[in-house]
Amino acid sequence: MPPLDLKIEKLIYGGEGLGHHNGSTVFVPFVLPEERVEAQPVEQKKKFVRAHLEKILEASAARIAPRCPYFGECGGCDYQHIPYEAQLQYKTEILRETLRRLGRVEWTGPVTVHRSPEWDYRNRAQWKVRALGEGDKKTSHLGIGYFRGNSTALCAVDDCAVLAPSLLNAFQAIRGALARDALRRELREFEAFTSENADGANATLLLTFSFSSFPSRAQELAEKIRSLIPQGESILFFDPARERMELFGPGYIETAVADRKFRVGHFSFFQVNRFLTEELARAVAQDEPGGRLALDLFAGVGLFSVPLAEKFERVIAVESNPAAARDLQTNVRAAAAVDVRDADVERFLEKVKETPDLVVLDPPRAGMARPALDRSLRLAPERITYVSCEPPTLARDLAAMVAANYEITEMHLFDLFPQTFHMETVTRLRRRP
């Protein structure tokens, strides 16, 4: 199919721009509204076409040069060609439209935007390790970086502007060792989480290395990695094919949020923006009026449970991931009001009889399973706070809540992921009389 000449009408969730050509909807990445572009189709369906951006024929006056030389090739960022203020504006518009189009949820009130520093914000990252080159041109040297967009091919990089400084230092240390052939060739993936917060002080790191086969002389290799990354407090080697792992260190680090410390282990989830985590916890928990009972569902390591315990007589924190549940138990130890349940949320809700004052929902990207959502609504809590990282599933679940006699009172957009299309939202609802 020949290239398409089209005008971009708007940005949509997913990082693409939308245009039309001969009756078909066309999706193109790395564009701006009102731009005229030449795009090469790469996927054609009955009702839409996905295309690769070939050329900007008429550029938007708002377009800027991306900071990263890998932008457009690396699959990590979507919006580096857009000024940051405009990124926030587009995300707000996309959130409203997604709620309206997919959930028929018309929110005309304000969306409170919580902005982040544009760069150096990530406290967790995962890098792939592969032989450099492609096909028959692969070399004997290993490169490290991210997958290319919509691909499992390596985009080797030597820098990444969204990483916290301690993460960038760790990445560059491993990259340098790979360039010197000083690390095992079985290495396939490297993940790091840092306790580095907004002030940049006292950073320690969790380091997880995945191998195609478990390394011999693992202790010697761990010592070499400690010499490369002195801040690495806990190191885990993992062979997923054989489900074999070996730990060097305590298995966790502690990270501070306001005046609270949270233990975070190798397989636990924690928010990835080092600047906005405290603000997110405050919006979910500390701004609450409090009450008798709160349910914190999908509680993770207790980021919301701990501050909720200062507002409620009882908090039941539910988490099914065994690693996160262990961290949760430790993190709420000083908060006597918190009762931890290591359980699946849906099964837990089958047994709950009490009516809570508040239910906090922070589900994974797929949103709430419908049986769990229905059970939580049958409890008829006075208030619900829904934390979401995926507007389409948020729209679906909010539609069910509105149909069950709840009304939205606040909506917040936390820009945890600048330069990307991703967004975190906090929606507060209350039950109508």
Protein backbone atom coordinates (compact mmCIF):
# COMPACT_ATOMS: atom_id res chain seq x y z
CA MET A 1 0.00 0.00 0.00
CA PRO A 2 1.40 3.44 -0.88
CA PRO A 3 2.02 6.05 1.84
CA LEU A 4 -1.00 8.02 3.06
CA ASP A 5 -1.23 11.80 3.09
CA LEU A 6 -3.47 12.75 6.02
CA LYS A 7 -4.20 15.42 8.60
CA ILE A 8 -4.07 14.54 12.29
CA GLU A 9 -7.28 15.45 14.08
CA LYS A 10 -6.48 14.61 17.70
CA LEU A 11 -4.39 12.49 20.06
CA ILE A 12 -5.91 9.37 21.59
CA TYR A 13 -5.02 7.13 24.53
CA GLY A 14 -2.13 4.90 23.56
CA GLY A 15 0.23 7.57 22.25
CA GLU A 16 -1.11 7.81 18.70
CA GLY A 17 -2.72 10.53 16.64
CA LEU A 18 -5.95 9.92 14.76
CA GLY A 19 -6.76 10.91 11.18
CA HIS A 20 -8.96 9.67 8.35
CA HIS A 21 -8.17 8.52 4.81
CA ASN A 22 -10.71 7.28 2.28
CA GLY A 23 -13.22 6.44 5.01
CA SER A 24 -10.76 4.57 7.23
CA THR A 25 -9.55 5.72 10.62
CA VAL A 26 -5.77 5.91 10.67
CA PHE A 27 -3.57 5.80 13.79
CA VAL A 28 -0.06 7.31 13.63
CA PRO A 29 2.46 7.74 16.48
CA PHE A 30 4.72 10.75 17.22
CA VAL A 31 2.38 13.35 15.73
CA LEU A 32 0.41 16.41 16.91
CA PRO A 33 -3.11 17.65 16.13
CA GLU A 34 -3.40 19.71 12.95
CA GLU A 35 -0.23 18.30 11.46
CA ARG A 36 -0.22 17.00 7.90
CA VAL A 37 1.87 13.86 7.64
CA GLU A 38 2.91 11.12 5.28
CA ALA A 39 2.40 7.73 6.93
CA GLN A 40 3.12 4.20 5.71
CA PRO A 41 0.45 1.61 6.61
CA VAL A 42 1.80 -1.32 8.64
CA GLU A 43 -1.50 -2.92 9.73
CA GLN A 44 -4.85 -2.82 7.99
CA LYS A 45 -8.13 -3.93 9.52
CA LYS A 46 -11.71 -3.55 8.31
CA LYS A 47 -12.30 -0.30 10.19
CA PHE A 48 -8.85 1.12 10.86
CA VAL A 49 -5.27 1.35 9.68
CA ARG A 50 -2.12 1.63 11.78
CA ALA A 51 0.70 3.47 10.08
CA HIS A 52 4.34 4.38 10.61
CA LEU A 53 5.22 8.07 10.47
CA GLU A 54 7.36 8.69 7.39
CA LYS A 55 7.44 12.45 7.07
CA ILE A 56 5.99 15.61 8.61
CA LEU A 57 4.56 17.59 5.69
CA GLU A 58 3.15 20.45 7.75
CA ALA A 59 4.43 20.61 11.32
CA SER A 60 2.54 22.00 14.29
CA ALA A 61 3.96 25.21 15.70
CA ALA A 62 3.99 23.44 19.07
CA ARG A 63 6.37 20.66 17.95
CA ILE A 64 9.75 20.60 19.70
CA ALA A 65 12.94 18.62 19.18
CA PRO A 66 13.07 15.49 21.38
CA ARG A 67 15.77 15.39 24.02
CA CYS A 68 16.61 11.73 23.48
CA PRO A 69 18.41 10.58 20.28
CA TYR A 70 16.56 7.25 20.50
CA PHE A 71 13.08 8.79 20.55
CA GLY A 72 10.89 7.15 17.91
CA GLU A 73 13.02 4.01 17.87
CA CYS A 74 12.98 3.05 21.57
CA GLY A 75 9.55 1.96 22.77
CA GLY A 76 9.74 3.83 26.08
CA CYS A 77 8.58 7.38 25.31
CA ASP A 78 5.73 8.72 23.18
CA TYR A 79 5.58 12.48 23.78
CA GLN A 80 9.08 13.94 23.71
CA HIS A 81 8.07 16.00 20.65
CA ILE A 82 5.41 17.77 22.75
CA PRO A 83 6.13 20.59 25.26
CA TYR A 84 5.40 19.45 28.80
CA GLU A 85 2.53 21.86 29.46
CA ALA A 86 0.87 20.63 26.28
CA GLN A 87 1.41 16.98 27.34
CA LEU A 88 -0.61 17.68 30.49
CA GLN A 89 -3.34 19.40 28.50
CA TYR A 90 -3.61 16.53 26.02
CA LYS A 91 -3.69 13.93 28.79
CA THR A 92 -6.53 15.79 30.50
CA GLU A 93 -8.50 15.95 27.26
CA ILE A 94 -7.83 12.26 26.52
CA LEU A 95 -8.97 11.28 30.03
CA ARG A 96 -12.27 13.15 29.67
CA GLU A 97 -12.91 11.78 26.18
CA THR A 98 -12.08 8.19 27.20
CA LEU A 99 -14.52 8.36 30.12
CA ARG A 100 -17.19 9.81 27.88
CA ARG A 101 -16.67 7.52 24.88
CA LEU A 102 -16.13 4.19 26.65
CA GLY A 103 -18.10 4.66 29.87
CA ARG A 104 -20.55 7.43 28.98
CA VAL A 105 -19.28 9.13 32.11
CA GLU A 106 -19.60 12.89 31.70
CA TRP A 107 -17.29 14.56 34.22
CA THR A 108 -17.60 18.32 33.74
CA GLY A 109 -15.90 19.25 37.00
CA PRO A 110 -12.21 20.09 37.28
CA VAL A 111 -9.47 17.53 36.73
CA THR A 112 -6.79 18.43 39.25
CA VAL A 113 -3.45 17.89 37.53
CA HIS A 114 -0.42 16.93 39.64
CA ARG A 115 2.64 17.66 37.55
CA SER A 116 6.03 16.02 37.83
CA PRO A 117 9.51 17.18 36.92
CA GLU A 118 9.84 16.24 33.25
CA TRP A 119 13.04 14.20 33.57
CA ASP A 120 14.98 12.03 36.03
CA TYR A 121 11.78 10.83 37.70
CA ARG A 122 11.76 7.01 37.43
CA ASN A 123 12.78 5.02 40.50
CA ARG A 124 12.40 1.63 38.77
CA ALA A 125 13.48 0.42 35.34
CA GLN A 126 14.00 -2.82 33.47
CA TRP A 127 16.54 -3.29 30.69
CA LYS A 128 16.95 -6.06 28.14
CA VAL A 129 20.33 -7.59 27.28
CA ARG A 130 20.87 -9.03 23.80
CA ALA A 131 23.59 -9.54 21.19
CA LEU A 132 24.11 -6.37 19.20
CA GLY A 133 23.05 -6.31 15.56
CA GLU A 134 20.27 -8.15 13.76
CA GLY A 135 19.94 -11.44 11.93
CA ASP A 136 23.23 -12.63 10.44
CA LYS A 137 24.86 -9.34 11.44
CA LYS A 138 24.70 -10.04 15.18
CA THR A 139 28.03 -9.49 16.91
CA SER A 140 29.61 -11.28 19.83
CA HIS A 141 29.09 -8.21 22.01
CA LEU A 142 26.09 -7.74 24.29
CA GLY A 143 24.10 -4.54 24.32
CA ILE A 144 21.63 -3.26 26.90
CA GLY A 145 18.58 -1.08 26.48
CA TYR A 146 14.86 -1.26 25.80
CA PHE A 147 12.72 -2.99 23.24
CA ARG A 148 11.92 -1.05 20.09
CA GLY A 149 8.32 0.13 19.78
CA ASN A 150 5.90 -2.76 19.10
CA SER A 151 8.81 -5.18 18.90
CA THR A 152 10.99 -7.56 20.88
CA ALA A 153 14.14 -6.34 19.09
CA LEU A 154 16.68 -4.54 21.23
CA CYS A 155 17.18 -0.80 21.02
CA ALA A 156 20.59 -0.48 22.69
CA VAL A 157 21.04 2.86 24.46
CA ASP A 158 23.84 4.59 26.34
CA ASP A 159 21.67 7.06 28.27
CA CYS A 160 18.08 7.54 29.43
CA ALA A 161 16.83 10.93 30.54
CA VAL A 162 13.83 9.72 32.57
CA LEU A 163 15.89 7.72 35.08
CA ALA A 164 16.71 8.86 38.59
CA PRO A 165 20.46 9.54 38.84
CA SER A 166 21.20 6.44 40.93
CA LEU A 167 19.36 4.25 38.38
CA LEU A 168 21.26 5.84 35.51
CA ASN A 169 24.55 5.20 37.30
CA ALA A 170 23.61 1.53 37.81
CA PHE A 171 22.58 1.17 34.16
CA GLN A 172 25.81 2.70 32.90
CA ALA A 173 27.89 0.51 35.20
CA ILE A 174 26.30 -2.66 33.77
CA ARG A 175 26.51 -1.30 30.23
CA GLY A 176 30.23 -0.64 30.67
CA ALA A 177 30.83 -4.14 32.05
CA LEU A 178 28.96 -5.69 29.12
CA ALA A 179 31.06 -3.66 26.68
CA ARG A 180 34.19 -5.09 28.32
CA ASP A 181 32.75 -8.64 28.22
CA ALA A 182 33.05 -8.61 32.02
CA LEU A 183 29.62 -10.13 32.74
CA ARG A 184 28.07 -13.50 32.02
CA ARG A 185 26.71 -13.94 28.50
CA GLU A 186 23.63 -15.70 29.89
CA LEU A 187 22.37 -12.37 31.27
CA ARG A 188 19.06 -11.47 29.61
CA GLU A 189 17.46 -8.83 31.81
CA PHE A 190 18.46 -6.36 34.49
CA GLU A 191 15.96 -4.57 36.74
CA ALA A 192 16.69 -1.97 39.41
CA PHE A 193 14.61 -0.14 42.00
CA THR A 194 16.05 2.77 43.96
CA SER A 195 15.04 4.36 47.25
CA GLU A 196 16.21 7.70 45.85
CA ASN A 197 13.40 10.16 46.56
CA ALA A 198 12.87 13.80 45.61
CA ASP A 199 15.85 15.10 47.59
CA GLY A 200 18.18 12.49 46.07
CA ALA A 201 19.67 11.47 49.41
CA ASN A 202 20.60 8.04 50.78
CA ALA A 203 19.85 6.02 47.65
CA THR A 204 20.07 2.24 47.93
CA LEU A 205 19.12 -0.19 45.18
CA LEU A 206 17.37 -3.52 44.64
CA LEU A 207 19.06 -5.29 41.72
CA THR A 208 17.45 -8.23 39.92
CA PHE A 209 19.29 -10.13 37.18
CA SER A 210 17.57 -12.71 34.97
CA PHE A 211 19.60 -15.33 33.08
CA SER A 212 18.94 -17.83 30.32
CA SER A 213 20.75 -20.35 32.52
CA PHE A 214 21.79 -19.93 36.12
CA PRO A 215 25.36 -18.66 36.45
CA SER A 216 28.08 -20.82 37.94
CA ARG A 217 30.10 -19.18 40.73
CA ALA A 218 27.11 -16.99 41.56
CA GLN A 219 28.71 -15.61 44.72
CA GLU A 220 31.72 -14.40 42.75
CA LEU A 221 29.45 -12.74 40.19
CA ALA A 222 27.42 -11.03 42.94
CA GLU A 223 30.63 -9.62 44.43
CA LYS A 224 31.63 -8.28 41.02
CA ILE A 225 28.25 -6.57 40.68
CA ARG A 226 28.61 -5.04 44.15
CA SER A 227 31.93 -3.57 43.05
CA LEU A 228 30.24 -2.11 39.97
CA ILE A 229 27.20 -0.79 41.91
CA PRO A 230 28.18 -0.11 45.54
CA GLN A 231 24.66 1.14 46.32
CA GLY A 232 23.22 -2.29 45.49
CA GLU A 233 21.94 -3.41 48.87
CA SER A 234 20.14 -6.53 47.69
CA ILE A 235 20.96 -8.63 44.60
CA LEU A 236 18.79 -11.42 43.21
CA PHE A 237 19.79 -13.86 40.46
CA PHE A 238 16.86 -15.50 38.68
CA ASP A 239 16.60 -18.22 36.04
CA PRO A 240 12.91 -18.14 35.03
CA ALA A 241 13.08 -21.26 32.85
CA ARG A 242 14.11 -23.41 35.82
CA GLU A 243 12.49 -21.22 38.48
CA ARG A 244 15.81 -21.06 40.28
CA MET A 245 16.92 -18.02 42.23
CA GLU A 246 19.58 -17.00 44.68
CA LEU A 247 19.60 -13.95 46.92
CA PHE A 248 22.58 -11.91 48.06
CA GLY A 249 21.42 -9.45 50.68
CA PRO A 250 18.25 -8.88 52.70
CA GLY A 251 15.80 -9.20 49.80
CA TYR A 252 14.42 -5.69 50.20
CA ILE A 253 15.31 -2.05 50.67
CA GLU A 254 13.52 0.71 52.55
CA THR A 255 12.21 3.79 50.82
CA ALA A 256 10.86 6.90 52.55
CA VAL A 257 7.55 8.58 51.78
CA ALA A 258 7.15 11.72 53.89
CA ASP A 259 8.13 10.62 57.41
CA ARG A 260 7.27 6.94 56.81
CA LYS A 261 9.55 4.15 55.66
CA PHE A 262 8.31 1.33 53.47
CA ARG A 263 10.02 -1.99 52.92
CA VAL A 264 9.95 -2.96 49.22
CA GLY A 265 11.13 -6.40 48.07
CA HIS A 266 12.33 -7.71 44.71
CA PHE A 267 8.89 -8.86 43.55
CA SER A 268 6.77 -6.14 45.15
CA PHE A 269 5.17 -3.23 43.34
CA PHE A 270 5.83 0.40 44.24
CA GLN A 271 4.96 3.62 42.43
CA VAL A 272 7.65 4.56 39.89
CA ASN A 273 7.76 8.36 40.16
CA ARG A 274 10.08 9.48 42.99
CA PHE A 275 8.62 13.01 43.03
CA LEU A 276 4.87 12.31 43.21
CA THR A 277 4.51 9.27 45.47
CA GLU A 278 3.98 11.35 48.62
CA GLU A 279 1.45 13.57 46.86
CA LEU A 280 -0.43 10.52 45.56
CA ALA A 281 -0.62 8.98 49.05
CA ARG A 282 -1.87 12.27 50.44
CA ALA A 283 -4.64 12.53 47.84
CA VAL A 284 -5.81 8.97 48.52
CA ALA A 285 -5.43 8.72 52.28
CA GLN A 286 -4.45 11.84 54.16
CA ASP A 287 -7.17 14.03 52.66
CA GLU A 288 -9.78 11.53 53.91
CA PRO A 289 -12.21 12.62 56.67
CA GLY A 290 -11.78 9.21 58.32
CA GLY A 291 -14.30 6.97 60.03
CA ARG A 292 -14.75 3.53 61.52
CA LEU A 293 -13.67 1.10 58.77
CA ALA A 294 -11.71 1.40 55.51
CA LEU A 295 -10.93 -1.39 53.05
CA ASP A 296 -7.68 -1.00 51.10
CA LEU A 297 -8.02 -3.47 48.24
CA PHE A 298 -4.93 -4.33 46.15
CA ALA A 299 -2.94 -2.79 48.99
CA GLY A 300 0.56 -3.57 47.71
CA VAL A 301 3.18 -2.80 50.35
CA GLY A 302 0.83 -0.46 52.22
CA LEU A 303 1.44 2.96 50.67
CA PHE A 304 -2.19 3.89 51.40
CA SER A 305 -2.90 1.52 54.31
CA VAL A 306 -0.39 3.14 56.64
CA PRO A 307 -1.70 6.72 56.36
CA LEU A 308 -5.31 5.47 56.33
CA ALA A 309 -4.66 3.94 59.77
CA GLU A 310 -4.23 7.46 61.13
CA LYS A 311 -7.78 8.34 60.02
CA PHE A 312 -9.78 5.17 60.65
CA GLU A 313 -10.41 2.98 63.67
CA ARG A 314 -9.78 -0.09 61.49
CA VAL A 315 -8.19 -0.67 58.09
CA ILE A 316 -8.34 -4.02 56.33
CA ALA A 317 -5.52 -4.23 53.76
CA VAL A 318 -5.92 -6.97 51.13
CA GLU A 319 -3.05 -8.13 48.91
CA SER A 320 -2.71 -11.42 46.99
CA ASN A 321 0.93 -11.14 45.86
CA PRO A 322 2.86 -13.13 48.51
CA ALA A 323 5.98 -10.98 48.21
CA ALA A 324 4.04 -7.73 48.55
CA ALA A 325 1.95 -9.16 51.39
CA ARG A 326 5.14 -9.93 53.36
CA ASP A 327 6.32 -6.36 52.90
CA LEU A 328 2.85 -5.12 53.82
CA GLN A 329 2.91 -7.05 57.09
CA THR A 330 6.21 -5.40 58.01
CA ASN A 331 5.16 -1.92 56.94
CA VAL A 332 1.94 -1.88 59.01
CA ARG A 333 3.51 -3.44 62.11
CA ALA A 334 3.50 -0.12 63.95
CA ALA A 335 -0.07 0.63 62.83
CA ALA A 336 -2.23 -1.50 65.13
CA ALA A 337 -5.39 -0.44 63.29
CA VAL A 338 -4.37 -2.33 60.13
CA ASP A 339 -5.47 -5.93 59.60
CA VAL A 340 -3.61 -7.56 56.69
CA ARG A 341 -5.31 -10.21 54.59
CA ASP A 342 -3.09 -12.22 52.23
CA ALA A 343 -5.94 -13.04 49.88
CA ASP A 344 -7.46 -12.59 46.46
CA VAL A 345 -9.70 -9.51 46.49
CA GLU A 346 -12.68 -11.30 44.95
CA ARG A 347 -12.55 -14.14 47.48
CA PHE A 348 -12.11 -11.69 50.34
CA LEU A 349 -15.19 -9.73 49.25
CA GLU A 350 -17.27 -12.92 49.23
CA LYS A 351 -16.93 -13.07 53.03
CA VAL A 352 -17.20 -9.41 54.06
CA LYS A 353 -20.38 -8.51 55.90
CA GLU A 354 -19.59 -5.09 57.40
CA THR A 355 -20.34 -1.85 55.60
CA PRO A 356 -17.13 0.20 55.34
CA ASP A 357 -17.00 3.98 55.37
CA LEU A 358 -14.41 3.90 52.58
CA VAL A 359 -13.20 1.43 49.95
CA VAL A 360 -9.91 2.19 48.23
CA LEU A 361 -9.44 0.36 44.93
CA ASP A 362 -6.02 0.25 43.24
CA PRO A 363 -6.38 -2.64 40.77
CA PRO A 364 -3.92 -3.66 38.05
CA ARG A 365 -4.20 -2.32 34.53
CA ALA A 366 -7.09 -4.68 33.69
CA GLY A 367 -9.24 -2.92 36.28
CA MET A 368 -11.75 -4.62 38.56
CA ALA A 369 -13.05 -8.07 37.71
CA ARG A 370 -16.80 -7.59 37.44
CA PRO A 371 -17.74 -10.02 40.26
CA ALA A 372 -15.34 -8.23 42.62
CA LEU A 373 -16.65 -4.81 41.58
CA ASP A 374 -20.27 -5.93 42.08
CA ARG A 375 -19.47 -7.31 45.53
CA SER A 376 -17.71 -4.12 46.58
CA LEU A 377 -20.70 -2.06 45.47
CA ARG A 378 -23.13 -4.33 47.34
CA LEU A 379 -21.27 -3.40 50.53
CA ALA A 380 -22.62 0.13 49.93
CA PRO A 381 -19.65 2.06 51.33
CA GLU A 382 -20.23 5.76 51.89
CA ARG A 383 -17.15 6.62 49.80
CA ILE A 384 -15.00 4.96 47.13
CA THR A 385 -11.56 6.10 45.99
CA TYR A 386 -10.44 4.50 42.74
CA VAL A 387 -6.75 4.65 41.77
CA SER A 388 -6.24 3.73 38.12
CA CYS A 389 -3.38 3.55 35.63
CA GLU A 390 -5.61 2.71 32.65
CA PRO A 391 -8.37 5.16 31.55
CA PRO A 392 -10.30 2.62 29.41
CA THR A 393 -10.84 0.22 32.32
CA LEU A 394 -11.45 3.17 34.63
CA ALA A 395 -14.25 4.29 32.29
CA ARG A 396 -15.83 0.85 32.36
CA ASP A 397 -15.69 0.56 36.16
CA LEU A 398 -16.85 4.12 36.83
CA ALA A 399 -19.88 3.47 34.62
CA ALA A 400 -20.84 0.57 36.91
CA MET A 401 -20.34 2.72 40.01
CA VAL A 402 -22.45 5.57 38.66
CA ALA A 403 -25.19 3.06 37.75
CA ALA A 404 -25.02 1.79 41.37
CA ASN A 405 -25.93 5.24 42.75
CA TYR A 406 -22.47 6.75 43.21
CA GLU A 407 -21.44 10.20 42.05
CA ILE A 408 -17.97 11.50 41.29
CA THR A 409 -16.82 14.27 43.64
CA GLU A 410 -13.17 14.70 42.62
CA MET A 411 -10.89 13.66 39.81
CA HIS A 412 -7.10 13.92 39.90
CA LEU A 413 -4.58 13.23 37.16
CA PHE A 414 -1.11 12.37 38.46
CA ASP A 415 1.51 12.61 35.73
CA LEU A 416 3.66 9.77 37.02
CA PHE A 417 5.02 9.08 33.53
CA PRO A 418 6.10 12.30 31.73
CA GLN A 419 7.09 11.89 28.06
CA THR A 420 4.72 8.91 27.75
CA PHE A 421 0.98 8.53 27.14
CA HIS A 422 0.51 6.81 30.52
CA MET A 423 -1.28 8.50 33.40
CA GLU A 424 -2.39 7.71 36.92
CA THR A 425 -5.78 8.93 38.12
CA VAL A 426 -7.48 9.19 41.49
CA THR A 427 -11.28 9.40 41.39
CA ARG A 428 -13.27 10.00 44.56
CA LEU A 429 -16.93 9.00 44.68
CA ARG A 430 -19.69 9.13 47.28
CA ARG A 431 -22.96 7.28 47.55
CA ARG A 432 -26.00 9.35 46.80
CA PRO A 433 -28.58 9.58 49.63
